[in-house]
Amino acid sequence: LSVCTGTINDPSLAARAASLGVDAITSDCPSDLRSRMAAQTAAQAVAA
């Protein structure tokens, strides 16, 4: 059984979905979302 999301374009929501273990995240702009999620993750690592 695979679990996929509906359309997510917000990096915070996508990160939340990923942390819940979904198999796929649907986005209108996947490359932009991927880079924004990576930047958000890097910023959180620096803040910690």
Protein backbone atom coordinates (compact mmCIF):
# COMPACT_ATOMS: atom_id res chain seq x y z
CA LEU A 1 0.00 0.00 0.00
CA SER A 2 1.42 3.37 -0.94
CA VAL A 3 0.36 6.67 0.53
CA CYS A 4 0.37 9.80 -1.62
CA THR A 5 -0.67 13.35 -0.84
CA GLY A 6 -2.95 15.71 -2.63
CA THR A 7 -1.24 18.77 -4.13
CA ILE A 8 1.16 20.43 -1.68
CA ASN A 9 3.07 23.57 -2.70
CA ASP A 10 4.09 24.81 0.76
CA PRO A 11 7.49 23.52 1.95
CA SER A 12 6.40 23.37 5.60
CA LEU A 13 3.40 21.20 4.76
CA ALA A 14 5.53 19.03 2.46
CA ALA A 15 8.09 18.52 5.23
CA ARG A 16 5.29 17.56 7.61
CA ALA A 17 3.91 15.05 5.11
CA ALA A 18 7.40 13.61 4.57
CA SER A 19 7.89 13.25 8.32
CA LEU A 20 4.66 11.25 8.45
CA GLY A 21 6.17 8.79 5.97
CA VAL A 22 4.17 9.38 2.79
CA ASP A 23 5.52 7.65 -0.31
CA ALA A 24 4.91 10.54 -2.73
CA ILE A 25 4.15 14.25 -2.54
CA THR A 26 2.26 15.81 -5.45
CA SER A 27 3.13 19.42 -6.28
CA ASP A 28 2.42 21.92 -9.07
CA CYS A 29 6.09 22.93 -8.97
CA PRO A 30 8.16 19.98 -7.69
CA SER A 31 11.64 21.38 -8.41
CA ASP A 32 10.81 24.66 -6.66
CA LEU A 33 9.28 22.81 -3.71
CA ARG A 34 12.30 20.51 -3.45
CA SER A 35 14.76 23.43 -3.37
CA ARG A 36 12.63 25.39 -0.87
CA MET A 37 12.38 22.32 1.39
CA ALA A 38 16.17 21.85 1.21
CA ALA A 39 16.76 25.51 2.11
CA GLN A 40 14.31 25.26 5.01
CA THR A 41 16.01 22.10 6.30
CA ALA A 42 19.44 23.76 6.08
CA ALA A 43 18.19 26.83 7.95
CA GLN A 44 16.75 24.64 10.71
CA ALA A 45 20.06 22.76 11.02
CA VAL A 46 21.99 26.03 11.41
CA ALA A 47 19.52 27.28 14.04
CA ALA A 48 19.87 24.09 16.10
